[in-house]
Amino acid sequence: MKTKQLHKWDSAEHLKDEQDIELYLRACMEDAGDDPAFIAHALGVIARARGMTQLAKDTGLGRESLYKALSGEGNPSLSTITKVAKALGLKLHLQSA
C-alpha cells in the first residue's frame, strides 16, 4: 500500500480574517493553562499569518529575534509579548478566574 506524502500542518495558513485570529487566540489561551510558551507560540502563528516583516517594523524588533521569541521555545519578556500583541491589533487582558 502506497502512502501519500504528508505536509506539516501550519495553523497560520488557516487564519484568513480577524474572526479566525480571535477564535484561534481564545482557544489557545484556554488551552495554555500555565504555559506562557504556548501563548507566545500562538502569537507567533498569528504573526506569521499577518506577516513577520511588517510586525518587525511595527515593533522595532528584528525578524530573527521575533521568530525565536515566538517559537514556543524562546522565553520572551512580557514587554515583547505586549509589543507584539499591540502591533497585531490585539489586546491581552486579565480577568478573575
PDB file of N, CA and C in Angstrom:
ATOM      1  N   MET A   1       0.838  -1.178   0.000  1.00  0.00           N
ATOM      2  CA  MET A   1       0.000   0.000   0.000  1.00  0.00           C
ATOM      3  C   MET A   1       0.881   1.238   0.000  1.00  0.00           C
ATOM      4  N   LYS A   2       0.639   2.114  -0.931  1.00  0.00           N
ATOM      5  CA  LYS A   2       1.401   3.354  -1.024  1.00  0.00           C
ATOM      6  C   LYS A   2       0.844   4.382  -0.050  1.00  0.00           C
ATOM      7  N   THR A   3       1.748   5.111   0.564  1.00  0.00           N
ATOM      8  CA  THR A   3       1.307   6.192   1.446  1.00  0.00           C
ATOM      9  C   THR A   3       1.463   7.521   0.716  1.00  0.00           C
ATOM     10  N   LYS A   4       0.552   8.394   0.994  1.00  0.00           N
ATOM     11  CA  LYS A   4       0.623   9.730   0.408  1.00  0.00           C
ATOM     12  C   LYS A   4       1.655  10.546   1.159  1.00  0.00           C
ATOM     13  N   GLN A   5       2.291  11.450   0.451  1.00  0.00           N
ATOM     14  CA  GLN A   5       3.225  12.343   1.106  1.00  0.00           C
ATOM     15  C   GLN A   5       2.433  13.362   1.923  1.00  0.00           C
ATOM     16  N   LEU A   6       2.783  13.480   3.174  1.00  0.00           N
ATOM     17  CA  LEU A   6       2.099  14.400   4.055  1.00  0.00           C
ATOM     18  C   LEU A   6       2.916  15.675   4.205  1.00  0.00           C
ATOM     19  N   HIS A   7       2.229  16.769   4.469  1.00  0.00           N
ATOM     20  CA  HIS A   7       2.954  18.006   4.741  1.00  0.00           C
ATOM     21  C   HIS A   7       2.625  18.461   6.149  1.00  0.00           C
ATOM     22  N   LYS A   8       3.538  19.194   6.730  1.00  0.00           N
ATOM     23  CA  LYS A   8       3.386  19.644   8.104  1.00  0.00           C
ATOM     24  C   LYS A   8       2.236  20.644   8.200  1.00  0.00           C
ATOM     25  N   TRP A   9       1.382  20.459   9.187  1.00  0.00           N
ATOM     26  CA  TRP A   9       0.247  21.360   9.429  1.00  0.00           C
ATOM     27  C   TRP A   9       0.778  22.706   9.888  1.00  0.00           C
ATOM     28  N   ASP A  10       0.265  23.766   9.298  1.00  0.00           N
ATOM     29  CA  ASP A  10       0.635  25.118   9.712  1.00  0.00           C
ATOM     30  C   ASP A  10      -0.652  25.902   9.941  1.00  0.00           C
ATOM     31  N   SER A  11      -0.935  26.158  11.199  1.00  0.00           N
ATOM     32  CA  SER A  11      -2.167  26.875  11.554  1.00  0.00           C
ATOM     33  C   SER A  11      -2.229  28.250  10.910  1.00  0.00           C
ATOM     34  N   ALA A  12      -1.074  28.876  10.681  1.00  0.00           N
ATOM     35  CA  ALA A  12      -1.038  30.220  10.096  1.00  0.00           C
ATOM     36  C   ALA A  12      -1.721  30.258   8.729  1.00  0.00           C
ATOM     37  N   GLU A  13      -1.663  29.156   8.004  1.00  0.00           N
ATOM     38  CA  GLU A  13      -2.281  29.099   6.676  1.00  0.00           C
ATOM     39  C   GLU A  13      -3.809  29.174   6.740  1.00  0.00           C
ATOM     40  N   HIS A  14      -4.370  28.939   7.918  1.00  0.00           N
ATOM     41  CA  HIS A  14      -5.825  28.872   8.057  1.00  0.00           C
ATOM     42  C   HIS A  14      -6.415  30.075   8.783  1.00  0.00           C
ATOM     43  N   LEU A  15      -5.590  31.033   9.120  1.00  0.00           N
ATOM     44  CA  LEU A  15      -6.066  32.257   9.771  1.00  0.00           C
ATOM     45  C   LEU A  15      -6.273  33.307   8.684  1.00  0.00           C
ATOM     46  N   LYS A  16      -7.450  33.324   8.117  1.00  0.00           N
ATOM     47  CA  LYS A  16      -7.742  34.151   6.950  1.00  0.00           C
ATOM     48  C   LYS A  16      -8.269  35.541   7.281  1.00  0.00           C
ATOM     49  N   ASP A  17      -8.921  35.699   8.430  1.00  0.00           N
ATOM     50  CA  ASP A  17      -9.505  37.003   8.765  1.00  0.00           C
ATOM     51  C   ASP A  17      -9.448  37.226  10.275  1.00  0.00           C
ATOM     52  N   GLU A  18      -9.941  38.372  10.697  1.00  0.00           N
ATOM     53  CA  GLU A  18      -9.877  38.751  12.110  1.00  0.00           C
ATOM     54  C   GLU A  18     -10.655  37.789  13.004  1.00  0.00           C
ATOM     55  N   GLN A  19     -11.774  37.283  12.526  1.00  0.00           N
ATOM     56  CA  GLN A  19     -12.558  36.340  13.320  1.00  0.00           C
ATOM     57  C   GLN A  19     -11.781  35.046  13.539  1.00  0.00           C
ATOM     58  N   ASP A  20     -11.129  34.549  12.499  1.00  0.00           N
ATOM     59  CA  ASP A  20     -10.306  33.346  12.633  1.00  0.00           C
ATOM     60  C   ASP A  20      -9.228  33.562  13.689  1.00  0.00           C
ATOM     61  N   ILE A  21      -8.576  34.721  13.620  1.00  0.00           N
ATOM     62  CA  ILE A  21      -7.492  35.030  14.549  1.00  0.00           C
ATOM     63  C   ILE A  21      -8.015  35.118  15.979  1.00  0.00           C
ATOM     64  N   GLU A  22      -9.127  35.789  16.170  1.00  0.00           N
ATOM     65  CA  GLU A  22      -9.691  35.930  17.515  1.00  0.00           C
ATOM     66  C   GLU A  22     -10.073  34.572  18.101  1.00  0.00           C
ATOM     67  N   LEU A  23     -10.742  33.746  17.316  1.00  0.00           N
ATOM     68  CA  LEU A  23     -11.146  32.429  17.801  1.00  0.00           C
ATOM     69  C   LEU A  23      -9.939  31.546  18.094  1.00  0.00           C
ATOM     70  N   TYR A  24      -8.932  31.618  17.235  1.00  0.00           N
ATOM     71  CA  TYR A  24      -7.702  30.846  17.440  1.00  0.00           C
ATOM     72  C   TYR A  24      -7.019  31.270  18.739  1.00  0.00           C
ATOM     73  N   LEU A  25      -6.875  32.578  18.954  1.00  0.00           N
ATOM     74  CA  LEU A  25      -6.206  33.064  20.152  1.00  0.00           C
ATOM     75  C   LEU A  25      -6.998  32.701  21.409  1.00  0.00           C
ATOM     76  N   ARG A  26      -8.303  32.821  21.362  1.00  0.00           N
ATOM     77  CA  ARG A  26      -9.127  32.435  22.525  1.00  0.00           C
ATOM     78  C   ARG A  26      -8.936  30.962  22.863  1.00  0.00           C
ATOM     79  N   ALA A  27      -8.963  30.124  21.854  1.00  0.00           N
ATOM     80  CA  ALA A  27      -8.777  28.686  22.084  1.00  0.00           C
ATOM     81  C   ALA A  27      -7.397  28.401  22.667  1.00  0.00           C
ATOM     82  N   CYS A  28      -6.390  29.073  22.145  1.00  0.00           N
ATOM     83  CA  CYS A  28      -5.031  28.876  22.654  1.00  0.00           C
ATOM     84  C   CYS A  28      -4.902  29.352  24.095  1.00  0.00           C
ATOM     85  N   MET A  29      -5.518  30.475  24.410  1.00  0.00           N
ATOM     86  CA  MET A  29      -5.457  30.996  25.780  1.00  0.00           C
ATOM     87  C   MET A  29      -6.132  30.028  26.743  1.00  0.00           C
ATOM     88  N   GLU A  30      -7.217  29.425  26.325  1.00  0.00           N
ATOM     89  CA  GLU A  30      -7.913  28.455  27.176  1.00  0.00           C
ATOM     90  C   GLU A  30      -7.078  27.193  27.369  1.00  0.00           C
ATOM     91  N   ASP A  31      -6.399  26.760  26.312  1.00  0.00           N
ATOM     92  CA  ASP A  31      -5.611  25.527  26.377  1.00  0.00           C
ATOM     93  C   ASP A  31      -4.244  25.723  27.019  1.00  0.00           C
ATOM     94  N   ALA A  32      -3.758  26.946  27.080  1.00  0.00           N
ATOM     95  CA  ALA A  32      -2.394  27.210  27.542  1.00  0.00           C
ATOM     96  C   ALA A  32      -2.174  26.859  29.000  1.00  0.00           C
ATOM     97  N   GLY A  33      -3.184  27.007  29.815  1.00  0.00           N
ATOM     98  CA  GLY A  33      -3.002  26.752  31.243  1.00  0.00           C
ATOM     99  C   GLY A  33      -1.949  27.691  31.802  1.00  0.00           C
ATOM    100  N   ASP A  34      -0.937  27.129  32.407  1.00  0.00           N
ATOM    101  CA  ASP A  34       0.148  27.917  32.998  1.00  0.00           C
ATOM    102  C   ASP A  34       1.387  27.961  32.098  1.00  0.00           C
ATOM    103  N   ASP A  35       1.218  27.732  30.823  1.00  0.00           N
ATOM    104  CA  ASP A  35       2.352  27.646  29.905  1.00  0.00           C
ATOM    105  C   ASP A  35       2.480  28.905  29.051  1.00  0.00           C
ATOM    106  N   PRO A  36       3.327  29.866  29.459  1.00  0.00           N
ATOM    107  CA  PRO A  36       3.471  31.095  28.679  1.00  0.00           C
ATOM    108  C   PRO A  36       4.077  30.854  27.294  1.00  0.00           C
ATOM    109  N   ALA A  37       4.859  29.787  27.140  1.00  0.00           N
ATOM    110  CA  ALA A  37       5.447  29.475  25.829  1.00  0.00           C
ATOM    111  C   ALA A  37       4.355  29.134  24.820  1.00  0.00           C
ATOM    112  N   PHE A  38       3.276  28.517  25.293  1.00  0.00           N
ATOM    113  CA  PHE A  38       2.150  28.175  24.416  1.00  0.00           C
ATOM    114  C   PHE A  38       1.514  29.447  23.862  1.00  0.00           C
ATOM    115  N   ILE A  39       1.354  30.445  24.729  1.00  0.00           N
ATOM    116  CA  ILE A  39       0.781  31.727  24.306  1.00  0.00           C
ATOM    117  C   ILE A  39       1.720  32.439  23.344  1.00  0.00           C
ATOM    118  N   ALA A  40       3.014  32.419  23.646  1.00  0.00           N
ATOM    119  CA  ALA A  40       3.998  33.035  22.751  1.00  0.00           C
ATOM    120  C   ALA A  40       3.956  32.369  21.384  1.00  0.00           C
ATOM    121  N   HIS A  41       3.845  31.045  21.370  1.00  0.00           N
ATOM    122  CA  HIS A  41       3.765  30.322  20.100  1.00  0.00           C
ATOM    123  C   HIS A  41       2.502  30.717  19.327  1.00  0.00           C
ATOM    124  N   ALA A  42       1.385  30.833  20.034  1.00  0.00           N
ATOM    125  CA  ALA A  42       0.129  31.236  19.379  1.00  0.00           C
ATOM    126  C   ALA A  42       0.281  32.615  18.740  1.00  0.00           C
ATOM    127  N   LEU A  43       0.920  33.542  19.446  1.00  0.00           N
ATOM    128  CA  LEU A  43       1.171  34.871  18.862  1.00  0.00           C
ATOM    129  C   LEU A  43       2.094  34.761  17.653  1.00  0.00           C
ATOM    130  N   GLY A  44       3.040  33.834  17.713  1.00  0.00           N
ATOM    131  CA  GLY A  44       3.929  33.607  16.566  1.00  0.00           C
ATOM    132  C   GLY A  44       3.187  33.110  15.346  1.00  0.00           C
ATOM    133  N   VAL A  45       2.214  32.238  15.558  1.00  0.00           N
ATOM    134  CA  VAL A  45       1.393  31.728  14.450  1.00  0.00           C
ATOM    135  C   VAL A  45       0.604  32.885  13.835  1.00  0.00           C
ATOM    136  N   ILE A  46       0.014  33.709  14.679  1.00  0.00           N
ATOM    137  CA  ILE A  46      -0.740  34.870  14.182  1.00  0.00           C
ATOM    138  C   ILE A  46       0.188  35.827  13.451  1.00  0.00           C
ATOM    139  N   ALA A  47       1.375  36.030  13.988  1.00  0.00           N
ATOM    140  CA  ALA A  47       2.352  36.926  13.349  1.00  0.00           C
ATOM    141  C   ALA A  47       2.733  36.419  11.959  1.00  0.00           C
ATOM    142  N   ARG A  48       2.933  35.100  11.828  1.00  0.00           N
ATOM    143  CA  ARG A  48       3.259  34.549  10.512  1.00  0.00           C
ATOM    144  C   ARG A  48       2.093  34.691   9.543  1.00  0.00           C
ATOM    145  N   ALA A  49       0.868  34.553  10.053  1.00  0.00           N
ATOM    146  CA  ALA A  49      -0.313  34.713   9.205  1.00  0.00           C
ATOM    147  C   ALA A  49      -0.430  36.146   8.700  1.00  0.00           C
ATOM    148  N   ARG A  50      -0.038  37.099   9.521  1.00  0.00           N
ATOM    149  CA  ARG A  50      -0.159  38.513   9.159  1.00  0.00           C
ATOM    150  C   ARG A  50       1.061  39.031   8.397  1.00  0.00           C
ATOM    151  N   GLY A  51       2.211  38.445   8.662  1.00  0.00           N
ATOM    152  CA  GLY A  51       3.442  38.885   8.004  1.00  0.00           C
ATOM    153  C   GLY A  51       4.486  39.332   9.017  1.00  0.00           C
ATOM    154  N   MET A  52       5.526  38.542   9.156  1.00  0.00           N
ATOM    155  CA  MET A  52       6.557  38.803  10.156  1.00  0.00           C
ATOM    156  C   MET A  52       7.364  40.060   9.836  1.00  0.00           C
ATOM    157  N   THR A  53       7.558  40.358   8.568  1.00  0.00           N
ATOM    158  CA  THR A  53       8.337  41.549   8.199  1.00  0.00           C
ATOM    159  C   THR A  53       7.657  42.817   8.688  1.00  0.00           C
ATOM    160  N   GLN A  54       6.367  42.926   8.470  1.00  0.00           N
ATOM    161  CA  GLN A  54       5.646  44.112   8.925  1.00  0.00           C
ATOM    162  C   GLN A  54       5.622  44.179  10.446  1.00  0.00           C
ATOM    163  N   LEU A  55       5.485  43.045  11.095  1.00  0.00           N
ATOM    164  CA  LEU A  55       5.495  43.017  12.552  1.00  0.00           C
ATOM    165  C   LEU A  55       6.833  43.513  13.090  1.00  0.00           C
ATOM    166  N   ALA A  56       7.912  43.114  12.460  1.00  0.00           N
ATOM    167  CA  ALA A  56       9.234  43.571  12.889  1.00  0.00           C
ATOM    168  C   ALA A  56       9.330  45.092  12.782  1.00  0.00           C
ATOM    169  N   LYS A  57       8.812  45.640  11.699  1.00  0.00           N
ATOM    170  CA  LYS A  57       8.822  47.100  11.533  1.00  0.00           C
ATOM    171  C   LYS A  57       7.968  47.779  12.603  1.00  0.00           C
ATOM    172  N   ASP A  58       6.793  47.222  12.856  1.00  0.00           N
ATOM    173  CA  ASP A  58       5.854  47.826  13.801  1.00  0.00           C
ATOM    174  C   ASP A  58       6.331  47.766  15.247  1.00  0.00           C
ATOM    175  N   THR A  59       7.091  46.717  15.586  1.00  0.00           N
ATOM    176  CA  THR A  59       7.557  46.563  16.965  1.00  0.00           C
ATOM    177  C   THR A  59       8.951  47.126  17.193  1.00  0.00           C
ATOM    178  N   GLY A  60       9.700  47.304  16.106  1.00  0.00           N
ATOM    179  CA  GLY A  60      11.091  47.740  16.247  1.00  0.00           C
ATOM    180  C   GLY A  60      12.015  46.599  16.647  1.00  0.00           C
ATOM    181  N   LEU A  61      11.525  45.379  16.561  1.00  0.00           N
ATOM    182  CA  LEU A  61      12.326  44.204  16.892  1.00  0.00           C
ATOM    183  C   LEU A  61      12.749  43.507  15.605  1.00  0.00           C
ATOM    184  N   GLY A  62      13.875  42.825  15.642  1.00  0.00           N
ATOM    185  CA  GLY A  62      14.363  42.107  14.465  1.00  0.00           C
ATOM    186  C   GLY A  62      13.528  40.881  14.165  1.00  0.00           C
ATOM    187  N   ARG A  63      13.437  40.542  12.886  1.00  0.00           N
ATOM    188  CA  ARG A  63      12.652  39.367  12.478  1.00  0.00           C
ATOM    189  C   ARG A  63      13.155  38.100  13.147  1.00  0.00           C
ATOM    190  N   GLU A  64      14.470  37.914  13.145  1.00  0.00           N
ATOM    191  CA  GLU A  64      15.027  36.692  13.729  1.00  0.00           C
ATOM    192  C   GLU A  64      14.720  36.592  15.215  1.00  0.00           C
ATOM    193  N   SER A  65      14.811  37.720  15.931  1.00  0.00           N
ATOM    194  CA  SER A  65      14.509  37.684  17.366  1.00  0.00           C
ATOM    195  C   SER A  65      13.022  37.427  17.591  1.00  0.00           C
ATOM    196  N   LEU A  66      12.178  37.927  16.705  1.00  0.00           N
ATOM    197  CA  LEU A  66      10.738  37.642  16.810  1.00  0.00           C
ATOM    198  C   LEU A  66      10.456  36.161  16.579  1.00  0.00           C
ATOM    199  N   TYR A  67      11.069  35.603  15.534  1.00  0.00           N
ATOM    200  CA  TYR A  67      10.871  34.170  15.271  1.00  0.00           C
ATOM    201  C   TYR A  67      11.290  33.345  16.486  1.00  0.00           C
ATOM    202  N   LYS A  68      12.425  33.689  17.078  1.00  0.00           N
ATOM    203  CA  LYS A  68      12.919  32.944  18.233  1.00  0.00           C
ATOM    204  C   LYS A  68      12.001  33.127  19.441  1.00  0.00           C
ATOM    205  N   ALA A  69      11.638  34.369  19.740  1.00  0.00           N
ATOM    206  CA  ALA A  69      10.809  34.657  20.912  1.00  0.00           C
ATOM    207  C   ALA A  69       9.430  34.022  20.804  1.00  0.00           C
ATOM    208  N   LEU A  70       8.886  33.963  19.593  1.00  0.00           N
ATOM    209  CA  LEU A  70       7.513  33.487  19.399  1.00  0.00           C
ATOM    210  C   LEU A  70       7.435  32.043  18.917  1.00  0.00           C
ATOM    211  N   SER A  71       8.544  31.330  19.009  1.00  0.00           N
ATOM    212  CA  SER A  71       8.579  29.952  18.526  1.00  0.00           C
ATOM    213  C   SER A  71       7.949  28.956  19.490  1.00  0.00           C
ATOM    214  N   GLY A  72       7.805  29.357  20.738  1.00  0.00           N
ATOM    215  CA  GLY A  72       7.379  28.409  21.760  1.00  0.00           C
ATOM    216  C   GLY A  72       8.573  27.824  22.482  1.00  0.00           C
ATOM    217  N   GLU A  73       9.755  27.994  21.905  1.00  0.00           N
ATOM    218  CA  GLU A  73      10.998  27.534  22.522  1.00  0.00           C
ATOM    219  C   GLU A  73      11.722  28.688  23.211  1.00  0.00           C
ATOM    220  N   GLY A  74      11.414  29.908  22.799  1.00  0.00           N
ATOM    221  CA  GLY A  74      12.057  31.085  23.379  1.00  0.00           C
ATOM    222  C   GLY A  74      11.434  31.428  24.728  1.00  0.00           C
ATOM    223  N   ASN A  75      11.942  32.478  25.324  1.00  0.00           N
ATOM    224  CA  ASN A  75      11.425  32.934  26.606  1.00  0.00           C
ATOM    225  C   ASN A  75      11.228  34.444  26.525  1.00  0.00           C
ATOM    226  N   PRO A  76      10.209  34.886  25.793  1.00  0.00           N
ATOM    227  CA  PRO A  76      10.032  36.327  25.591  1.00  0.00           C
ATOM    228  C   PRO A  76       9.611  37.037  26.872  1.00  0.00           C
ATOM    229  N   SER A  77      10.035  38.277  26.982  1.00  0.00           N
ATOM    230  CA  SER A  77       9.619  39.073  28.135  1.00  0.00           C
ATOM    231  C   SER A  77       8.167  39.504  27.951  1.00  0.00           C
ATOM    232  N   LEU A  78       7.561  39.924  29.049  1.00  0.00           N
ATOM    233  CA  LEU A  78       6.194  40.441  28.970  1.00  0.00           C
ATOM    234  C   LEU A  78       6.160  41.664  28.061  1.00  0.00           C
ATOM    235  N   SER A  79       7.220  42.445  28.088  1.00  0.00           N
ATOM    236  CA  SER A  79       7.318  43.621  27.222  1.00  0.00           C
ATOM    237  C   SER A  79       7.238  43.230  25.748  1.00  0.00           C
ATOM    238  N   THR A  80       7.946  42.172  25.372  1.00  0.00           N
ATOM    239  CA  THR A  80       7.909  41.695  23.983  1.00  0.00           C
ATOM    240  C   THR A  80       6.516  41.209  23.626  1.00  0.00           C
ATOM    241  N   ILE A  81       5.905  40.454  24.521  1.00  0.00           N
ATOM    242  CA  ILE A  81       4.556  39.928  24.269  1.00  0.00           C
ATOM    243  C   ILE A  81       3.570  41.074  24.069  1.00  0.00           C
ATOM    244  N   THR A  82       3.632  42.085  24.921  1.00  0.00           N
ATOM    245  CA  THR A  82       2.674  43.191  24.799  1.00  0.00           C
ATOM    246  C   THR A  82       2.943  44.019  23.545  1.00  0.00           C
ATOM    247  N   LYS A  83       4.217  44.213  23.185  1.00  0.00           N
ATOM    248  CA  LYS A  83       4.541  44.926  21.936  1.00  0.00           C
ATOM    249  C   LYS A  83       3.975  44.189  20.731  1.00  0.00           C
ATOM    250  N   VAL A  84       4.176  42.882  20.721  1.00  0.00           N
ATOM    251  CA  VAL A  84       3.694  42.058  19.603  1.00  0.00           C
ATOM    252  C   VAL A  84       2.174  42.101  19.535  1.00  0.00           C
ATOM    253  N   ALA A  85       1.525  41.907  20.670  1.00  0.00           N
ATOM    254  CA  ALA A  85       0.054  41.921  20.693  1.00  0.00           C
ATOM    255  C   ALA A  85      -0.472  43.255  20.179  1.00  0.00           C
ATOM    256  N   LYS A  86       0.098  44.348  20.656  1.00  0.00           N
ATOM    257  CA  LYS A  86      -0.348  45.677  20.225  1.00  0.00           C
ATOM    258  C   LYS A  86      -0.136  45.866  18.731  1.00  0.00           C
ATOM    259  N   ALA A  87       1.026  45.463  18.229  1.00  0.00           N
ATOM    260  CA  ALA A  87       1.322  45.612  16.800  1.00  0.00           C
ATOM    261  C   ALA A  87       0.388  44.762  15.941  1.00  0.00           C
ATOM    262  N   LEU A  88      -0.090  43.647  16.496  1.00  0.00           N
ATOM    263  CA  LEU A  88      -1.021  42.785  15.770  1.00  0.00           C
ATOM    264  C   LEU A  88      -2.465  43.250  15.911  1.00  0.00           C
ATOM    265  N   GLY A  89      -2.655  44.332  16.671  1.00  0.00           N
ATOM    266  CA  GLY A  89      -4.010  44.835  16.860  1.00  0.00           C
ATOM    267  C   GLY A  89      -4.789  44.026  17.875  1.00  0.00           C
ATOM    268  N   LEU A  90      -4.070  43.371  18.778  1.00  0.00           N
ATOM    269  CA  LEU A  90      -4.688  42.538  19.796  1.00  0.00           C
ATOM    270  C   LEU A  90      -4.508  43.163  21.163  1.00  0.00           C
ATOM    271  N   LYS A  91      -5.409  42.871  22.053  1.00  0.00           N
ATOM    272  CA  LYS A  91      -5.309  43.354  23.424  1.00  0.00           C
ATOM    273  C   LYS A  91      -5.402  42.158  24.356  1.00  0.00           C
ATOM    274  N   LEU A  92      -4.370  41.996  25.157  1.00  0.00           N
ATOM    275  CA  LEU A  92      -4.387  40.943  26.164  1.00  0.00           C
ATOM    276  C   LEU A  92      -4.889  41.550  27.457  1.00  0.00           C
ATOM    277  N   HIS A  93      -5.766  40.836  28.126  1.00  0.00           N
ATOM    278  CA  HIS A  93      -6.244  41.337  29.405  1.00  0.00           C
ATOM    279  C   HIS A  93      -6.438  40.176  30.374  1.00  0.00           C
ATOM    280  N   LEU A  94      -6.385  40.517  31.640  1.00  0.00           N
ATOM    281  CA  LEU A  94      -6.579  39.526  32.691  1.00  0.00           C
ATOM    282  C   LEU A  94      -7.955  39.711  33.286  1.00  0.00           C
ATOM    283  N   GLN A  95      -8.523  38.617  33.738  1.00  0.00           N
ATOM    284  CA  GLN A  95      -9.786  38.687  34.433  1.00  0.00           C
ATOM    285  C   GLN A  95      -9.757  37.661  35.548  1.00  0.00           C
ATOM    286  N   SER A  96     -10.577  37.843  36.526  1.00  0.00           N
ATOM    287  CA  SER A  96     -10.578  36.894  37.638  1.00  0.00           C
ATOM    288  C   SER A  96     -11.103  35.549  37.165  1.00  0.00           C
ATOM    289  N   ALA A  97     -10.509  34.514  37.717  1.00  0.00           N
ATOM    290  CA  ALA A  97     -10.872  33.150  37.334  1.00  0.00           C
ATOM    291  C   ALA A  97     -12.143  32.761  38.053  1.00  0.00           C
TER     292      ALA A  97
END
